[in-house]
């Protein structure tokens, strides 16, 4: 995980996190590149979470709007592993 403090809030970038958020309600959204993501309001912030194959990724933020967190998730593309 990498955490960045900016604009009075905190952004966390997470890789290979478990995808199950239990019974928390989620809003399903389509990201610009066609990825499907789930948006959760949790722990006083917003979590945008998506899967690439069997790996899960997420952006969690406090102090940012839902729209800003979605913008950050839009540009988060997992690095392709070399073969």
Protein backbone atom coordinates (compact mmCIF):
# COMPACT_ATOMS: atom_id res chain seq x y z
CA UNK A 1 0.00 0.00 0.00
CA UNK A 2 1.11 3.54 -0.74
CA UNK A 3 -0.48 6.50 1.08
CA UNK A 4 -0.27 10.11 -0.12
CA UNK A 5 -1.48 13.14 1.84
CA UNK A 6 -2.75 15.96 -0.37
CA UNK A 7 -5.37 18.71 -0.43
CA UNK A 8 -6.30 18.10 3.19
CA UNK A 9 -7.03 14.42 2.62
CA UNK A 10 -5.30 11.08 2.29
CA UNK A 11 -5.22 8.75 -0.74
CA UNK A 12 -4.22 5.10 -0.36
CA UNK A 13 -3.34 2.89 -3.31
CA UNK A 14 -3.79 -0.81 -2.63
CA UNK A 15 -2.79 -3.85 -4.66
CA UNK A 16 -3.86 -7.45 -4.29
CA UNK A 17 -6.42 -6.70 -1.61
CA UNK A 18 -9.21 -9.12 -0.82
CA UNK A 19 -12.27 -8.28 -2.87
CA UNK A 20 -15.05 -9.23 -0.46
CA UNK A 21 -16.58 -6.28 1.39
CA UNK A 22 -19.28 -8.45 2.95
CA UNK A 23 -22.74 -6.93 3.15
CA UNK A 24 -21.68 -3.32 2.60
CA UNK A 25 -23.79 -1.66 -0.10
CA UNK A 26 -21.82 -0.79 -3.21
CA UNK A 27 -22.43 1.40 -6.21
CA UNK A 28 -21.32 -0.32 -9.43
CA UNK A 29 -19.59 1.98 -11.93
CA UNK A 30 -17.86 1.65 -15.30
CA UNK A 31 -14.41 3.20 -15.47
CA UNK A 32 -13.31 4.87 -18.72
CA UNK A 33 -11.27 1.92 -19.97
CA UNK A 34 -14.15 -0.52 -19.50
CA UNK A 35 -13.21 -1.84 -16.08
CA UNK A 36 -16.11 -2.45 -13.70
CA UNK A 37 -15.57 -1.08 -10.21
CA UNK A 38 -17.43 -0.93 -6.93
CA UNK A 39 -17.66 2.25 -4.85
CA UNK A 40 -18.05 1.89 -1.08
CA UNK A 41 -18.45 4.46 1.68
CA UNK A 42 -16.43 2.95 4.50
CA UNK A 43 -14.45 4.14 7.55
CA UNK A 44 -15.29 7.78 6.86
CA UNK A 45 -13.97 7.66 3.31
CA UNK A 46 -14.56 6.28 -0.16
CA UNK A 47 -13.14 3.02 -1.54
CA UNK A 48 -13.11 2.30 -5.28
CA UNK A 49 -12.25 -1.34 -5.88
CA UNK A 50 -11.84 -3.43 -9.05
CA UNK A 51 -10.36 -6.73 -10.20
CA UNK A 52 -7.87 -7.56 -12.93
CA UNK A 53 -8.04 -11.31 -13.39
CA UNK A 54 -7.64 -12.85 -9.94
CA UNK A 55 -5.99 -9.75 -8.40
CA UNK A 56 -7.85 -6.94 -6.67
CA UNK A 57 -6.92 -3.25 -6.61
CA UNK A 58 -8.33 -0.27 -4.79
CA UNK A 59 -8.09 3.43 -4.12
CA UNK A 60 -9.26 4.59 -0.69
CA UNK A 61 -9.52 8.25 0.26
CA UNK A 62 -10.67 10.52 3.04
CA UNK A 63 -11.15 14.23 2.53
CA UNK A 64 -11.83 13.90 -1.21
CA UNK A 65 -15.09 13.91 -3.16
CA UNK A 66 -16.45 10.73 -4.71
CA UNK A 67 -15.80 12.24 -8.14
CA UNK A 68 -12.13 12.94 -7.34
CA UNK A 69 -11.57 9.40 -6.04
CA UNK A 70 -13.13 8.00 -9.23
CA UNK A 71 -10.81 10.23 -11.31
CA UNK A 72 -7.81 8.80 -9.48
CA UNK A 73 -9.07 5.22 -9.98
CA UNK A 74 -9.47 5.94 -13.71
CA UNK A 75 -5.73 6.49 -14.10
CA UNK A 76 -4.62 3.60 -11.88
CA UNK A 77 -3.65 0.85 -14.28
CA UNK A 78 -1.76 -2.15 -12.92
CA UNK A 79 1.74 -2.56 -14.31
CA UNK A 80 1.90 -5.50 -16.70
CA UNK A 81 4.25 -8.17 -15.44
CA UNK A 82 7.01 -9.10 -17.87
CA UNK A 83 6.91 -12.64 -19.13
